[in-house]
Amino acid sequence: MNQSILFPDLQTWDAVKNVIVFPAQQSGALIECVVSKSYLENMVGSAIETEQQAIQVFQKLSFDLEEQAEELIEEEEFNLQGQIELG
């Protein structure tokens, strides 16, 4: 794991887009990362019904999700909004 990319333990639910938003920091720059509800559901193999469930699933899978986000950051795979997008 790249030590220059840090993931603070912060995540929020965006009900409009059905995504969890979580930050990454690289060389002092803040990078917004997002993971879709459907991607989380595919990872756990079951439906996510509530915001609280989505946050719990994210926390359970945070190591794997952060690893995926780290790879995308290193490859500079930003979307048009400048975010790293999983799923």
PDB file of N, CA and C in Angstrom:
ATOM      1  N   MET A   1       0.834  -1.176   0.000  1.00  0.00           N
ATOM      2  CA  MET A   1       0.000   0.000   0.000  1.00  0.00           C
ATOM      3  C   MET A   1       0.880   1.242   0.000  1.00  0.00           C
ATOM      4  N   ASN A   2       0.526   2.207  -0.805  1.00  0.00           N
ATOM      5  CA  ASN A   2       1.267   3.447  -0.939  1.00  0.00           C
ATOM      6  C   ASN A   2       1.046   4.312   0.292  1.00  0.00           C
ATOM      7  N   GLN A   3       2.119   4.634   1.006  1.00  0.00           N
ATOM      8  CA  GLN A   3       2.003   5.418   2.233  1.00  0.00           C
ATOM      9  C   GLN A   3       1.762   6.900   1.958  1.00  0.00           C
ATOM     10  N   SER A   4       1.892   7.342   0.707  1.00  0.00           N
ATOM     11  CA  SER A   4       1.654   8.753   0.417  1.00  0.00           C
ATOM     12  C   SER A   4       0.178   9.046   0.179  1.00  0.00           C
ATOM     13  N   ILE A   5      -0.657   8.011   0.140  1.00  0.00           N
ATOM     14  CA  ILE A   5      -2.103   8.183  -0.002  1.00  0.00           C
ATOM     15  C   ILE A   5      -2.749   7.756   1.304  1.00  0.00           C
ATOM     16  N   LEU A   6      -3.448   8.693   1.936  1.00  0.00           N
ATOM     17  CA  LEU A   6      -4.086   8.434   3.217  1.00  0.00           C
ATOM     18  C   LEU A   6      -5.600   8.497   3.070  1.00  0.00           C
ATOM     19  N   PHE A   7      -6.289   7.675   3.848  1.00  0.00           N
ATOM     20  CA  PHE A   7      -7.743   7.639   3.838  1.00  0.00           C
ATOM     21  C   PHE A   7      -8.259   7.916   5.246  1.00  0.00           C
ATOM     22  N   PRO A   8      -8.692   9.163   5.512  1.00  0.00           N
ATOM     23  CA  PRO A   8      -9.281   9.449   6.818  1.00  0.00           C
ATOM     24  C   PRO A   8     -10.545   8.611   7.003  1.00  0.00           C
ATOM     25  N   ASP A   9     -10.885   8.326   8.236  1.00  0.00           N
ATOM     26  CA  ASP A   9     -12.064   7.511   8.521  1.00  0.00           C
ATOM     27  C   ASP A   9     -13.319   8.379   8.476  1.00  0.00           C
ATOM     28  N   LEU A  10     -13.631   8.878   7.301  1.00  0.00           N
ATOM     29  CA  LEU A  10     -14.801   9.724   7.072  1.00  0.00           C
ATOM     30  C   LEU A  10     -15.526   9.222   5.840  1.00  0.00           C
ATOM     31  N   GLN A  11     -16.820   9.066   5.951  1.00  0.00           N
ATOM     32  CA  GLN A  11     -17.622   8.708   4.803  1.00  0.00           C
ATOM     33  C   GLN A  11     -19.021   9.250   4.994  1.00  0.00           C
ATOM     34  N   THR A  12     -19.626   9.641   3.886  1.00  0.00           N
ATOM     35  CA  THR A  12     -20.985  10.169   3.941  1.00  0.00           C
ATOM     36  C   THR A  12     -21.809   9.524   2.839  1.00  0.00           C
ATOM     37  N   TRP A  13     -23.099   9.488   3.052  1.00  0.00           N
ATOM     38  CA  TRP A  13     -24.038   8.924   2.091  1.00  0.00           C
ATOM     39  C   TRP A  13     -24.637  10.054   1.268  1.00  0.00           C
ATOM     40  N   ASP A  14     -24.586   9.953  -0.037  1.00  0.00           N
ATOM     41  CA  ASP A  14     -25.237  10.901  -0.944  1.00  0.00           C
ATOM     42  C   ASP A  14     -26.481  10.213  -1.476  1.00  0.00           C
ATOM     43  N   ALA A  15     -27.641  10.563  -0.898  1.00  0.00           N
ATOM     44  CA  ALA A  15     -28.902   9.902  -1.247  1.00  0.00           C
ATOM     45  C   ALA A  15     -29.357  10.226  -2.666  1.00  0.00           C
ATOM     46  N   VAL A  16     -28.954  11.362  -3.191  1.00  0.00           N
ATOM     47  CA  VAL A  16     -29.347  11.742  -4.547  1.00  0.00           C
ATOM     48  C   VAL A  16     -28.684  10.833  -5.574  1.00  0.00           C
ATOM     49  N   LYS A  17     -27.390  10.561  -5.365  1.00  0.00           N
ATOM     50  CA  LYS A  17     -26.629   9.753  -6.327  1.00  0.00           C
ATOM     51  C   LYS A  17     -26.505   8.288  -5.921  1.00  0.00           C
ATOM     52  N   ASN A  18     -26.992   7.939  -4.712  1.00  0.00           N
ATOM     53  CA  ASN A  18     -26.854   6.565  -4.184  1.00  0.00           C
ATOM     54  C   ASN A  18     -25.401   6.109  -4.162  1.00  0.00           C
ATOM     55  N   VAL A  19     -24.563   6.953  -3.570  1.00  0.00           N
ATOM     56  CA  VAL A  19     -23.136   6.641  -3.440  1.00  0.00           C
ATOM     57  C   VAL A  19     -22.651   6.998  -2.043  1.00  0.00           C
ATOM     58  N   ILE A  20     -21.583   6.331  -1.639  1.00  0.00           N
ATOM     59  CA  ILE A  20     -20.841   6.727  -0.445  1.00  0.00           C
ATOM     60  C   ILE A  20     -19.682   7.579  -0.937  1.00  0.00           C
ATOM     61  N   VAL A  21     -19.485   8.713  -0.297  1.00  0.00           N
ATOM     62  CA  VAL A  21     -18.395   9.621  -0.622  1.00  0.00           C
ATOM     63  C   VAL A  21     -17.364   9.504   0.495  1.00  0.00           C
ATOM     64  N   PHE A  22     -16.105   9.302   0.115  1.00  0.00           N
ATOM     65  CA  PHE A  22     -15.041   9.221   1.115  1.00  0.00           C
ATOM     66  C   PHE A  22     -13.784   9.904   0.576  1.00  0.00           C
ATOM     67  N   PRO A  23     -13.031  10.568   1.459  1.00  0.00           N
ATOM     68  CA  PRO A  23     -11.867  11.322   1.007  1.00  0.00           C
ATOM     69  C   PRO A  23     -10.581  10.504   1.007  1.00  0.00           C
ATOM     70  N   ALA A  24      -9.668  10.944   0.165  1.00  0.00           N
ATOM     71  CA  ALA A  24      -8.290  10.447   0.171  1.00  0.00           C
ATOM     72  C   ALA A  24      -7.401  11.684   0.159  1.00  0.00           C
ATOM     73  N   GLN A  25      -6.219  11.556   0.719  1.00  0.00           N
ATOM     74  CA  GLN A  25      -5.249  12.642   0.686  1.00  0.00           C
ATOM     75  C   GLN A  25      -3.964  12.133   0.057  1.00  0.00           C
ATOM     76  N   GLN A  26      -3.495  12.887  -0.920  1.00  0.00           N
ATOM     77  CA  GLN A  26      -2.224  12.545  -1.563  1.00  0.00           C
ATOM     78  C   GLN A  26      -1.393  13.816  -1.658  1.00  0.00           C
ATOM     79  N   SER A  27      -0.240  13.803  -1.021  1.00  0.00           N
ATOM     80  CA  SER A  27       0.666  14.962  -1.020  1.00  0.00           C
ATOM     81  C   SER A  27      -0.069  16.243  -0.640  1.00  0.00           C
ATOM     82  N   GLY A  28      -0.944  16.151   0.337  1.00  0.00           N
ATOM     83  CA  GLY A  28      -1.679  17.311   0.818  1.00  0.00           C
ATOM     84  C   GLY A  28      -2.929  17.643   0.031  1.00  0.00           C
ATOM     85  N   ALA A  29      -3.120  17.029  -1.116  1.00  0.00           N
ATOM     86  CA  ALA A  29      -4.306  17.294  -1.935  1.00  0.00           C
ATOM     87  C   ALA A  29      -5.452  16.381  -1.498  1.00  0.00           C
ATOM     88  N   LEU A  30      -6.645  16.948  -1.405  1.00  0.00           N
ATOM     89  CA  LEU A  30      -7.828  16.175  -1.047  1.00  0.00           C
ATOM     90  C   LEU A  30      -8.483  15.650  -2.317  1.00  0.00           C
ATOM     91  N   ILE A  31      -8.728  14.355  -2.349  1.00  0.00           N
ATOM     92  CA  ILE A  31      -9.339  13.706  -3.506  1.00  0.00           C
ATOM     93  C   ILE A  31     -10.645  13.077  -3.040  1.00  0.00           C
ATOM     94  N   GLU A  32     -11.734  13.405  -3.722  1.00  0.00           N
ATOM     95  CA  GLU A  32     -13.026  12.830  -3.376  1.00  0.00           C
ATOM     96  C   GLU A  32     -13.199  11.502  -4.114  1.00  0.00           C
ATOM     97  N   CYS A  33     -13.526  10.475  -3.352  1.00  0.00           N
ATOM     98  CA  CYS A  33     -13.762   9.146  -3.914  1.00  0.00           C
ATOM     99  C   CYS A  33     -15.223   8.792  -3.689  1.00  0.00           C
ATOM    100  N   VAL A  34     -15.802   8.059  -4.626  1.00  0.00           N
ATOM    101  CA  VAL A  34     -17.191   7.635  -4.492  1.00  0.00           C
ATOM    102  C   VAL A  34     -17.318   6.161  -4.855  1.00  0.00           C
ATOM    103  N   VAL A  35     -18.224   5.494  -4.152  1.00  0.00           N
ATOM    104  CA  VAL A  35     -18.529   4.104  -4.467  1.00  0.00           C
ATOM    105  C   VAL A  35     -20.044   3.968  -4.496  1.00  0.00           C
ATOM    106  N   SER A  36     -20.560   3.352  -5.541  1.00  0.00           N
ATOM    107  CA  SER A  36     -22.004   3.254  -5.721  1.00  0.00           C
ATOM    108  C   SER A  36     -22.617   2.170  -4.840  1.00  0.00           C
ATOM    109  N   LYS A  37     -23.865   2.369  -4.515  1.00  0.00           N
ATOM    110  CA  LYS A  37     -24.625   1.394  -3.736  1.00  0.00           C
ATOM    111  C   LYS A  37     -24.651   0.050  -4.471  1.00  0.00           C
ATOM    112  N   SER A  38     -24.860   0.073  -5.765  1.00  0.00           N
ATOM    113  CA  SER A  38     -24.928  -1.180  -6.526  1.00  0.00           C
ATOM    114  C   SER A  38     -23.596  -1.932  -6.493  1.00  0.00           C
ATOM    115  N   TYR A  39     -22.474  -1.192  -6.491  1.00  0.00           N
ATOM    116  CA  TYR A  39     -21.165  -1.831  -6.405  1.00  0.00           C
ATOM    117  C   TYR A  39     -20.997  -2.509  -5.052  1.00  0.00           C
ATOM    118  N   LEU A  40     -21.418  -1.817  -3.986  1.00  0.00           N
ATOM    119  CA  LEU A  40     -21.364  -2.412  -2.649  1.00  0.00           C
ATOM    120  C   LEU A  40     -22.254  -3.653  -2.569  1.00  0.00           C
ATOM    121  N   GLU A  41     -23.441  -3.567  -3.151  1.00  0.00           N
ATOM    122  CA  GLU A  41     -24.354  -4.719  -3.147  1.00  0.00           C
ATOM    123  C   GLU A  41     -23.737  -5.908  -3.864  1.00  0.00           C
ATOM    124  N   ASN A  42     -23.076  -5.657  -4.978  1.00  0.00           N
ATOM    125  CA  ASN A  42     -22.403  -6.740  -5.708  1.00  0.00           C
ATOM    126  C   ASN A  42     -21.287  -7.358  -4.874  1.00  0.00           C
ATOM    127  N   MET A  43     -20.581  -6.521  -4.119  1.00  0.00           N
ATOM    128  CA  MET A  43     -19.482  -7.028  -3.301  1.00  0.00           C
ATOM    129  C   MET A  43     -19.972  -7.923  -2.165  1.00  0.00           C
ATOM    130  N   VAL A  44     -21.124  -7.577  -1.565  1.00  0.00           N
ATOM    131  CA  VAL A  44     -21.635  -8.363  -0.438  1.00  0.00           C
ATOM    132  C   VAL A  44     -22.664  -9.402  -0.870  1.00  0.00           C
ATOM    133  N   GLY A  45     -23.161  -9.300  -2.097  1.00  0.00           N
ATOM    134  CA  GLY A  45     -24.106 -10.286  -2.605  1.00  0.00           C
ATOM    135  C   GLY A  45     -25.509 -10.160  -2.031  1.00  0.00           C
ATOM    136  N   SER A  46     -25.867  -8.972  -1.550  1.00  0.00           N
ATOM    137  CA  SER A  46     -27.226  -8.768  -1.041  1.00  0.00           C
ATOM    138  C   SER A  46     -27.614  -7.302  -1.176  1.00  0.00           C
ATOM    139  N   ALA A  47     -28.920  -7.051  -1.066  1.00  0.00           N
ATOM    140  CA  ALA A  47     -29.444  -5.690  -1.209  1.00  0.00           C
ATOM    141  C   ALA A  47     -29.105  -4.848   0.019  1.00  0.00           C
ATOM    142  N   ILE A  48     -28.893  -3.578  -0.229  1.00  0.00           N
ATOM    143  CA  ILE A  48     -28.685  -2.596   0.837  1.00  0.00           C
ATOM    144  C   ILE A  48     -29.932  -1.734   0.861  1.00  0.00           C
ATOM    145  N   GLU A  49     -30.617  -1.736   1.993  1.00  0.00           N
ATOM    146  CA  GLU A  49     -31.915  -1.056   2.094  1.00  0.00           C
ATOM    147  C   GLU A  49     -31.841   0.341   2.680  1.00  0.00           C
ATOM    148  N   THR A  50     -30.872   0.617   3.536  1.00  0.00           N
ATOM    149  CA  THR A  50     -30.846   1.900   4.238  1.00  0.00           C
ATOM    150  C   THR A  50     -29.473   2.556   4.142  1.00  0.00           C
ATOM    151  N   GLU A  51     -29.448   3.840   4.469  1.00  0.00           N
ATOM    152  CA  GLU A  51     -28.193   4.574   4.515  1.00  0.00           C
ATOM    153  C   GLU A  51     -27.247   3.940   5.533  1.00  0.00           C
ATOM    154  N   GLN A  52     -27.793   3.570   6.673  1.00  0.00           N
ATOM    155  CA  GLN A  52     -26.976   2.960   7.724  1.00  0.00           C
ATOM    156  C   GLN A  52     -26.355   1.647   7.247  1.00  0.00           C
ATOM    157  N   GLN A  53     -27.122   0.848   6.532  1.00  0.00           N
ATOM    158  CA  GLN A  53     -26.582  -0.408   5.980  1.00  0.00           C
ATOM    159  C   GLN A  53     -25.444  -0.110   5.010  1.00  0.00           C
ATOM    160  N   ALA A  54     -25.631   0.902   4.175  1.00  0.00           N
ATOM    161  CA  ALA A  54     -24.600   1.254   3.194  1.00  0.00           C
ATOM    162  C   ALA A  54     -23.304   1.651   3.898  1.00  0.00           C
ATOM    163  N   ILE A  55     -23.420   2.461   4.940  1.00  0.00           N
ATOM    164  CA  ILE A  55     -22.229   2.875   5.699  1.00  0.00           C
ATOM    165  C   ILE A  55     -21.570   1.666   6.362  1.00  0.00           C
ATOM    166  N   GLN A  56     -22.371   0.771   6.931  1.00  0.00           N
ATOM    167  CA  GLN A  56     -21.828  -0.419   7.586  1.00  0.00           C
ATOM    168  C   GLN A  56     -21.094  -1.311   6.587  1.00  0.00           C
ATOM    169  N   VAL A  57     -21.685  -1.500   5.414  1.00  0.00           N
ATOM    170  CA  VAL A  57     -21.031  -2.316   4.385  1.00  0.00           C
ATOM    171  C   VAL A  57     -19.726  -1.649   3.957  1.00  0.00           C
ATOM    172  N   PHE A  58     -19.759  -0.332   3.761  1.00  0.00           N
ATOM    173  CA  PHE A  58     -18.543   0.376   3.385  1.00  0.00           C
ATOM    174  C   PHE A  58     -17.458   0.160   4.434  1.00  0.00           C
ATOM    175  N   GLN A  59     -17.816   0.324   5.707  1.00  0.00           N
ATOM    176  CA  GLN A  59     -16.832   0.174   6.775  1.00  0.00           C
ATOM    177  C   GLN A  59     -16.268  -1.240   6.814  1.00  0.00           C
ATOM    178  N   LYS A  60     -17.116  -2.217   6.584  1.00  0.00           N
ATOM    179  CA  LYS A  60     -16.680  -3.613   6.574  1.00  0.00           C
ATOM    180  C   LYS A  60     -15.686  -3.874   5.430  1.00  0.00           C
ATOM    181  N   LEU A  61     -15.916  -3.229   4.300  1.00  0.00           N
ATOM    182  CA  LEU A  61     -15.096  -3.461   3.104  1.00  0.00           C
ATOM    183  C   LEU A  61     -14.071  -2.350   2.862  1.00  0.00           C
ATOM    184  N   SER A  62     -13.894  -1.462   3.838  1.00  0.00           N
ATOM    185  CA  SER A  62     -13.091  -0.259   3.610  1.00  0.00           C
ATOM    186  C   SER A  62     -11.661  -0.563   3.146  1.00  0.00           C
ATOM    187  N   PHE A  63     -11.027  -1.576   3.697  1.00  0.00           N
ATOM    188  CA  PHE A  63      -9.654  -1.875   3.291  1.00  0.00           C
ATOM    189  C   PHE A  63      -9.589  -2.179   1.794  1.00  0.00           C
ATOM    190  N   ASP A  64     -10.473  -3.045   1.319  1.00  0.00           N
ATOM    191  CA  ASP A  64     -10.479  -3.400  -0.111  1.00  0.00           C
ATOM    192  C   ASP A  64     -10.844  -2.200  -0.982  1.00  0.00           C
ATOM    193  N   LEU A  65     -11.831  -1.417  -0.541  1.00  0.00           N
ATOM    194  CA  LEU A  65     -12.255  -0.256  -1.321  1.00  0.00           C
ATOM    195  C   LEU A  65     -11.147   0.797  -1.387  1.00  0.00           C
ATOM    196  N   GLU A  66     -10.475   1.011  -0.277  1.00  0.00           N
ATOM    197  CA  GLU A  66      -9.374   1.977  -0.261  1.00  0.00           C
ATOM    198  C   GLU A  66      -8.228   1.504  -1.144  1.00  0.00           C
ATOM    199  N   GLU A  67      -7.984   0.218  -1.164  1.00  0.00           N
ATOM    200  CA  GLU A  67      -6.939  -0.330  -2.029  1.00  0.00           C
ATOM    201  C   GLU A  67      -7.282  -0.094  -3.504  1.00  0.00           C
ATOM    202  N   GLN A  68      -8.547  -0.317  -3.857  1.00  0.00           N
ATOM    203  CA  GLN A  68      -8.988  -0.072  -5.239  1.00  0.00           C
ATOM    204  C   GLN A  68      -8.869   1.407  -5.592  1.00  0.00           C
ATOM    205  N   ALA A  69      -9.296   2.268  -4.668  1.00  0.00           N
ATOM    206  CA  ALA A  69      -9.217   3.708  -4.900  1.00  0.00           C
ATOM    207  C   ALA A  69      -7.764   4.145  -5.060  1.00  0.00           C
ATOM    208  N   GLU A  70      -6.893   3.584  -4.238  1.00  0.00           N
ATOM    209  CA  GLU A  70      -5.473   3.914  -4.313  1.00  0.00           C
ATOM    210  C   GLU A  70      -4.903   3.593  -5.695  1.00  0.00           C
ATOM    211  N   GLU A  71      -5.256   2.430  -6.229  1.00  0.00           N
ATOM    212  CA  GLU A  71      -4.780   2.054  -7.566  1.00  0.00           C
ATOM    213  C   GLU A  71      -5.271   3.035  -8.618  1.00  0.00           C
ATOM    214  N   LEU A  72      -6.541   3.435  -8.511  1.00  0.00           N
ATOM    215  CA  LEU A  72      -7.098   4.381  -9.481  1.00  0.00           C
ATOM    216  C   LEU A  72      -6.456   5.763  -9.355  1.00  0.00           C
ATOM    217  N   ILE A  73      -6.145   6.173  -8.129  1.00  0.00           N
ATOM    218  CA  ILE A  73      -5.458   7.451  -7.925  1.00  0.00           C
ATOM    219  C   ILE A  73      -4.074   7.404  -8.558  1.00  0.00           C
ATOM    220  N   GLU A  74      -3.351   6.322  -8.305  1.00  0.00           N
ATOM    221  CA  GLU A  74      -2.007   6.186  -8.877  1.00  0.00           C
ATOM    222  C   GLU A  74      -2.037   6.183 -10.397  1.00  0.00           C
ATOM    223  N   GLU A  75      -3.113   5.626 -10.978  1.00  0.00           N
ATOM    224  CA  GLU A  75      -3.257   5.590 -12.432  1.00  0.00           C
ATOM    225  C   GLU A  75      -3.918   6.853 -12.978  1.00  0.00           C
ATOM    226  N   GLU A  76      -4.246   7.798 -12.069  1.00  0.00           N
ATOM    227  CA  GLU A  76      -4.893   9.060 -12.422  1.00  0.00           C
ATOM    228  C   GLU A  76      -6.181   8.854 -13.201  1.00  0.00           C
ATOM    229  N   GLU A  77      -6.998   7.923 -12.740  1.00  0.00           N
ATOM    230  CA  GLU A  77      -8.269   7.584 -13.377  1.00  0.00           C
ATOM    231  C   GLU A  77      -9.416   8.414 -12.797  1.00  0.00           C
ATOM    232  N   PHE A  78      -9.319   9.734 -12.898  1.00  0.00           N
ATOM    233  CA  PHE A  78     -10.332  10.628 -12.369  1.00  0.00           C
ATOM    234  C   PHE A  78     -11.491  10.756 -13.347  1.00  0.00           C
ATOM    235  N   ASN A  79     -12.723  10.885 -12.814  1.00  0.00           N
ATOM    236  CA  ASN A  79     -13.866  11.123 -13.690  1.00  0.00           C
ATOM    237  C   ASN A  79     -13.921  12.611 -14.057  1.00  0.00           C
ATOM    238  N   LEU A  80     -14.938  13.020 -14.780  1.00  0.00           N
ATOM    239  CA  LEU A  80     -15.022  14.409 -15.252  1.00  0.00           C
ATOM    240  C   LEU A  80     -15.173  15.416 -14.114  1.00  0.00           C
ATOM    241  N   GLN A  81     -15.640  14.959 -12.951  1.00  0.00           N
ATOM    242  CA  GLN A  81     -15.780  15.833 -11.787  1.00  0.00           C
ATOM    243  C   GLN A  81     -14.509  15.845 -10.929  1.00  0.00           C
ATOM    244  N   GLY A  82     -13.476  15.150 -11.374  1.00  0.00           N
ATOM    245  CA  GLY A  82     -12.228  15.093 -10.642  1.00  0.00           C
ATOM    246  C   GLY A  82     -12.246  14.102  -9.493  1.00  0.00           C
ATOM    247  N   GLN A  83     -13.203  13.179  -9.516  1.00  0.00           N
ATOM    248  CA  GLN A  83     -13.351  12.175  -8.453  1.00  0.00           C
ATOM    249  C   GLN A  83     -12.777  10.850  -8.907  1.00  0.00           C
ATOM    250  N   ILE A  84     -12.501  10.022  -7.899  1.00  0.00           N
ATOM    251  CA  ILE A  84     -12.178   8.625  -8.146  1.00  0.00           C
ATOM    252  C   ILE A  84     -13.472   7.861  -7.930  1.00  0.00           C
ATOM    253  N   GLU A  85     -13.886   7.096  -8.909  1.00  0.00           N
ATOM    254  CA  GLU A  85     -15.188   6.454  -8.888  1.00  0.00           C
ATOM    255  C   GLU A  85     -15.038   4.919  -8.914  1.00  0.00           C
ATOM    256  N   LEU A  86     -15.568   4.269  -7.883  1.00  0.00           N
ATOM    257  CA  LEU A  86     -15.582   2.811  -7.837  1.00  0.00           C
ATOM    258  C   LEU A  86     -16.992   2.351  -8.196  1.00  0.00           C
ATOM    259  N   GLY A  87     -17.090   1.482  -9.166  1.00  0.00           N
ATOM    260  CA  GLY A  87     -18.398   0.945  -9.546  1.00  0.00           C
ATOM    261  C   GLY A  87     -19.233   1.985 -10.150  1.00  0.00           C
TER     262      GLY A  87
END
